[in-house]
Amino acid sequence: MAPRARERILSNLETVYREAYDRAKETGDERRMHDLDSAYQREQLLLEVLLDIRDALTAPAPEPTRQPGTSALATLETLRRVSKLR
């Protein structure tokens, strides 16, 4: 199953907050409107960070680069030497 699109998720978040904000506006509850505005900004930021993490985790791994003319044995030897240094 493919992950939901970033824009769709952010749009859903905005819809939920917009409906609550409009209800508070209709009743003249300015404190609630301010609280909803602040909460929306915090949650939007958090959600964008989570989506960035999701995108990073699902991105395909880059192809390893190898110098032309290097053999697999030479590469393994280099890795062995580097790992001993640590």
C-alpha atoms as a PDB file:
ATOM      1  CA  MET A   1       0.000   0.000   0.000  1.00  0.00           C
ATOM      2  CA  ALA A   2       1.442   3.343  -1.035  1.00  0.00           C
ATOM      3  CA  PRO A   3       1.781   6.030   1.622  1.00  0.00           C
ATOM      4  CA  ARG A   4      -0.666   8.897   1.495  1.00  0.00           C
ATOM      5  CA  ALA A   5       0.526  11.978  -0.310  1.00  0.00           C
ATOM      6  CA  ARG A   6       2.022  14.766   1.796  1.00  0.00           C
ATOM      7  CA  GLU A   7      -0.402  17.376   0.428  1.00  0.00           C
ATOM      8  CA  ARG A   8      -3.414  15.194   1.204  1.00  0.00           C
ATOM      9  CA  ILE A   9      -2.296  14.681   4.804  1.00  0.00           C
ATOM     10  CA  LEU A  10      -1.609  18.381   5.362  1.00  0.00           C
ATOM     11  CA  SER A  11      -4.920  19.261   3.724  1.00  0.00           C
ATOM     12  CA  ASN A  12      -6.774  16.909   6.074  1.00  0.00           C
ATOM     13  CA  LEU A  13      -5.079  18.536   9.064  1.00  0.00           C
ATOM     14  CA  GLU A  14      -6.085  21.974   7.834  1.00  0.00           C
ATOM     15  CA  THR A  15      -9.690  20.854   7.282  1.00  0.00           C
ATOM     16  CA  VAL A  16     -10.005  19.535  10.833  1.00  0.00           C
ATOM     17  CA  TYR A  17      -8.646  22.731  12.345  1.00  0.00           C
ATOM     18  CA  ARG A  18     -10.540  25.005   9.951  1.00  0.00           C
ATOM     19  CA  GLU A  19     -13.868  23.437  10.975  1.00  0.00           C
ATOM     20  CA  ALA A  20     -13.098  23.845  14.683  1.00  0.00           C
ATOM     21  CA  TYR A  21     -11.826  27.395  14.112  1.00  0.00           C
ATOM     22  CA  ASP A  22     -14.987  28.355  12.210  1.00  0.00           C
ATOM     23  CA  ARG A  23     -17.175  26.990  15.015  1.00  0.00           C
ATOM     24  CA  ALA A  24     -15.231  29.043  17.568  1.00  0.00           C
ATOM     25  CA  LYS A  25     -15.522  32.105  15.329  1.00  0.00           C
ATOM     26  CA  GLU A  26     -19.304  31.684  15.057  1.00  0.00           C
ATOM     27  CA  THR A  27     -19.620  31.695  18.852  1.00  0.00           C
ATOM     28  CA  GLY A  28     -17.173  34.593  19.225  1.00  0.00           C
ATOM     29  CA  ASP A  29     -14.745  32.531  21.301  1.00  0.00           C
ATOM     30  CA  GLU A  30     -11.541  34.427  20.526  1.00  0.00           C
ATOM     31  CA  ARG A  31      -9.506  32.531  23.109  1.00  0.00           C
ATOM     32  CA  ARG A  32     -10.446  29.222  21.464  1.00  0.00           C
ATOM     33  CA  MET A  33      -9.630  30.666  18.041  1.00  0.00           C
ATOM     34  CA  HIS A  34      -6.172  31.691  19.281  1.00  0.00           C
ATOM     35  CA  ASP A  35      -5.602  28.279  20.911  1.00  0.00           C
ATOM     36  CA  LEU A  36      -6.640  26.487  17.716  1.00  0.00           C
ATOM     37  CA  ASP A  37      -4.386  28.677  15.594  1.00  0.00           C
ATOM     38  CA  SER A  38      -1.399  27.935  17.839  1.00  0.00           C
ATOM     39  CA  ALA A  39      -2.184  24.215  17.992  1.00  0.00           C
ATOM     40  CA  TYR A  40      -2.539  24.037  14.218  1.00  0.00           C
ATOM     41  CA  GLN A  41       0.873  25.625  13.677  1.00  0.00           C
ATOM     42  CA  ARG A  42       2.526  23.240  16.161  1.00  0.00           C
ATOM     43  CA  GLU A  43       0.877  20.160  14.712  1.00  0.00           C
ATOM     44  CA  GLN A  44       1.608  21.216  11.142  1.00  0.00           C
ATOM     45  CA  LEU A  45       5.297  21.573  11.981  1.00  0.00           C
ATOM     46  CA  LEU A  46       5.380  18.226  13.786  1.00  0.00           C
ATOM     47  CA  LEU A  47       3.549  16.515  10.945  1.00  0.00           C
ATOM     48  CA  GLU A  48       5.938  17.942   8.359  1.00  0.00           C
ATOM     49  CA  VAL A  49       8.902  16.624  10.346  1.00  0.00           C
ATOM     50  CA  LEU A  50       7.285  13.185  10.570  1.00  0.00           C
ATOM     51  CA  LEU A  51       6.573  13.208   6.850  1.00  0.00           C
ATOM     52  CA  ASP A  52      10.205  14.163   6.164  1.00  0.00           C
ATOM     53  CA  ILE A  53      11.315  11.206   8.286  1.00  0.00           C
ATOM     54  CA  ARG A  54       8.904   8.908   6.444  1.00  0.00           C
ATOM     55  CA  ASP A  55      10.209  10.123   3.098  1.00  0.00           C
ATOM     56  CA  ALA A  56      13.808   9.615   4.188  1.00  0.00           C
ATOM     57  CA  LEU A  57      13.128   6.082   5.403  1.00  0.00           C
ATOM     58  CA  THR A  58      11.296   5.060   2.249  1.00  0.00           C
ATOM     59  CA  ALA A  59      13.727   6.639  -0.227  1.00  0.00           C
ATOM     60  CA  PRO A  60      15.680   4.120  -2.287  1.00  0.00           C
ATOM     61  CA  ALA A  61      19.264   3.606  -1.178  1.00  0.00           C
ATOM     62  CA  PRO A  62      21.860   5.197  -3.445  1.00  0.00           C
ATOM     63  CA  GLU A  63      23.885   2.877  -5.600  1.00  0.00           C
ATOM     64  CA  PRO A  64      27.356   2.264  -4.173  1.00  0.00           C
ATOM     65  CA  THR A  65      30.075   3.893  -6.200  1.00  0.00           C
ATOM     66  CA  ARG A  66      33.207   2.056  -7.121  1.00  0.00           C
ATOM     67  CA  GLN A  67      36.304   3.384  -8.747  1.00  0.00           C
ATOM     68  CA  PRO A  68      36.827   2.002 -12.236  1.00  0.00           C
ATOM     69  CA  GLY A  69      39.456  -0.691 -12.289  1.00  0.00           C
ATOM     70  CA  THR A  70      39.142  -1.633  -8.604  1.00  0.00           C
ATOM     71  CA  SER A  71      38.514  -5.262  -7.944  1.00  0.00           C
ATOM     72  CA  ALA A  72      36.096  -6.593  -5.380  1.00  0.00           C
ATOM     73  CA  LEU A  73      39.028  -8.115  -3.458  1.00  0.00           C
ATOM     74  CA  ALA A  74      40.795  -4.749  -3.265  1.00  0.00           C
ATOM     75  CA  THR A  75      37.593  -3.130  -1.998  1.00  0.00           C
ATOM     76  CA  LEU A  76      37.191  -5.823   0.671  1.00  0.00           C
ATOM     77  CA  GLU A  77      40.804  -5.369   1.762  1.00  0.00           C
ATOM     78  CA  THR A  78      40.267  -1.630   2.106  1.00  0.00           C
ATOM     79  CA  LEU A  79      37.134  -2.198   4.187  1.00  0.00           C
ATOM     80  CA  ARG A  80      39.017  -4.657   6.415  1.00  0.00           C
ATOM     81  CA  ARG A  81      41.795  -2.147   7.044  1.00  0.00           C
ATOM     82  CA  VAL A  82      39.400   0.694   7.757  1.00  0.00           C
ATOM     83  CA  SER A  83      37.361  -1.383  10.194  1.00  0.00           C
ATOM     84  CA  LYS A  84      40.527  -2.310  12.138  1.00  0.00           C
ATOM     85  CA  LEU A  85      41.361   1.365  12.596  1.00  0.00           C
ATOM     86  CA  ARG A  86      38.218   1.970  14.599  1.00  0.00           C
END
